[in-house]
Amino acid sequence: MLERFKVMDHEMENCMVCLEDFKSGDDAAARLPCTHVCHYHCILGWFVQNATCPVCRFSCTHASS
C-alpha cells in the first residue's frame, strides 16, 4: 500500500514521475516501499503500465492496492 502524506517546506524537491516541484502543504504525495516519492496521481498513472518504481525499478506489484 502507498503511504500518503503532506509535504512540508523544503522536505523534497520534485516528483519522480512528472519532475514538477512539490508545493509546501501538498497532501497528494505518495512514498513508495523503496522510499522514493511521487505525486499520488502521478504514480497511479505510472502503475497502469509499470509495476516498478520509476527511479530504481523496485517491484511495487502490491503497492497500488
C-alpha atoms as a PDB file:
ATOM      1  CA  MET A   1       0.000   0.000   0.000  1.00  0.00           C
ATOM      2  CA  LEU A   2       1.207   3.528  -0.772  1.00  0.00           C
ATOM      3  CA  GLU A   3       1.896   5.862   2.123  1.00  0.00           C
ATOM      4  CA  ARG A   4       0.204   9.235   1.528  1.00  0.00           C
ATOM      5  CA  PHE A   5       1.488  12.265   3.385  1.00  0.00           C
ATOM      6  CA  LYS A   6       1.631  16.055   3.454  1.00  0.00           C
ATOM      7  CA  VAL A   7       4.727  17.774   2.070  1.00  0.00           C
ATOM      8  CA  MET A   8       6.426  20.209   4.449  1.00  0.00           C
ATOM      9  CA  ASP A   9       8.716  23.130   3.493  1.00  0.00           C
ATOM     10  CA  HIS A  10      11.832  22.006   1.639  1.00  0.00           C
ATOM     11  CA  GLU A  11      11.168  18.367   2.535  1.00  0.00           C
ATOM     12  CA  MET A  12      11.507  17.191  -1.078  1.00  0.00           C
ATOM     13  CA  GLU A  13      12.419  18.705  -4.392  1.00  0.00           C
ATOM     14  CA  ASN A  14      10.298  17.097  -7.108  1.00  0.00           C
ATOM     15  CA  CYS A  15       8.035  14.265  -8.182  1.00  0.00           C
ATOM     16  CA  MET A  16       9.957  11.340  -9.662  1.00  0.00           C
ATOM     17  CA  VAL A  17       7.328  10.875 -12.420  1.00  0.00           C
ATOM     18  CA  CYS A  18       6.378  14.359 -13.685  1.00  0.00           C
ATOM     19  CA  LEU A  19       9.523  16.082 -12.316  1.00  0.00           C
ATOM     20  CA  GLU A  20       7.474  19.055 -11.055  1.00  0.00           C
ATOM     21  CA  ASP A  21       8.335  20.578  -7.690  1.00  0.00           C
ATOM     22  CA  PHE A  22       6.257  19.635  -4.679  1.00  0.00           C
ATOM     23  CA  LYS A  23       4.433  22.558  -3.119  1.00  0.00           C
ATOM     24  CA  SER A  24       4.542  23.118   0.630  1.00  0.00           C
ATOM     25  CA  GLY A  25       1.341  21.776   2.173  1.00  0.00           C
ATOM     26  CA  ASP A  26       0.632  19.493  -0.799  1.00  0.00           C
ATOM     27  CA  ASP A  27      -1.175  16.499   0.673  1.00  0.00           C
ATOM     28  CA  ALA A  28      -1.111  14.427  -2.504  1.00  0.00           C
ATOM     29  CA  ALA A  29       2.349  12.901  -2.116  1.00  0.00           C
ATOM     30  CA  ALA A  30       2.969   9.148  -2.023  1.00  0.00           C
ATOM     31  CA  ARG A  31       6.001   7.311  -0.657  1.00  0.00           C
ATOM     32  CA  LEU A  32       6.812   4.012  -2.377  1.00  0.00           C
ATOM     33  CA  PRO A  33       8.137   0.965  -0.462  1.00  0.00           C
ATOM     34  CA  CYS A  34      11.634   1.858  -1.751  1.00  0.00           C
ATOM     35  CA  THR A  35      11.171   5.357  -0.177  1.00  0.00           C
ATOM     36  CA  HIS A  36      11.078   7.312  -3.461  1.00  0.00           C
ATOM     37  CA  VAL A  37       8.343   9.961  -3.515  1.00  0.00           C
ATOM     38  CA  CYS A  38       5.880  10.992  -6.233  1.00  0.00           C
ATOM     39  CA  HIS A  39       2.614  12.846  -6.559  1.00  0.00           C
ATOM     40  CA  TYR A  40      -0.113  10.336  -5.716  1.00  0.00           C
ATOM     41  CA  HIS A  41      -1.939  10.825  -9.039  1.00  0.00           C
ATOM     42  CA  CYS A  42       1.332  10.561 -10.994  1.00  0.00           C
ATOM     43  CA  ILE A  43       2.341   7.214  -9.504  1.00  0.00           C
ATOM     44  CA  LEU A  44      -1.150   5.766 -10.002  1.00  0.00           C
ATOM     45  CA  GLY A  45      -0.868   6.672 -13.697  1.00  0.00           C
ATOM     46  CA  TRP A  46       2.626   5.149 -13.801  1.00  0.00           C
ATOM     47  CA  PHE A  47       1.339   1.907 -12.256  1.00  0.00           C
ATOM     48  CA  VAL A  48      -1.169   1.489 -15.114  1.00  0.00           C
ATOM     49  CA  GLN A  49       1.739   0.492 -17.369  1.00  0.00           C
ATOM     50  CA  ASN A  50       4.554  -0.343 -14.931  1.00  0.00           C
ATOM     51  CA  ALA A  51       4.800  -2.305 -11.694  1.00  0.00           C
ATOM     52  CA  THR A  52       8.103  -0.802 -10.626  1.00  0.00           C
ATOM     53  CA  CYS A  53       9.452   2.391  -9.087  1.00  0.00           C
ATOM     54  CA  PRO A  54      10.207   4.947 -11.843  1.00  0.00           C
ATOM     55  CA  VAL A  55      13.620   5.627 -10.267  1.00  0.00           C
ATOM     56  CA  CYS A  56      15.128   2.370  -9.008  1.00  0.00           C
ATOM     57  CA  ARG A  57      12.799  -0.219 -10.630  1.00  0.00           C
ATOM     58  CA  PHE A  58      11.941  -1.741  -7.241  1.00  0.00           C
ATOM     59  CA  SER A  59       8.974  -4.087  -7.709  1.00  0.00           C
ATOM     60  CA  CYS A  60       5.788  -2.417  -6.457  1.00  0.00           C
ATOM     61  CA  THR A  61       3.297  -5.063  -7.541  1.00  0.00           C
ATOM     62  CA  HIS A  62       1.235  -4.769  -4.353  1.00  0.00           C
ATOM     63  CA  ALA A  63       1.936  -1.081  -3.672  1.00  0.00           C
ATOM     64  CA  SER A  64      -1.089   0.324  -5.500  1.00  0.00           C
ATOM     65  CA  SER A  65      -3.681  -1.894  -3.802  1.00  0.00           C
END
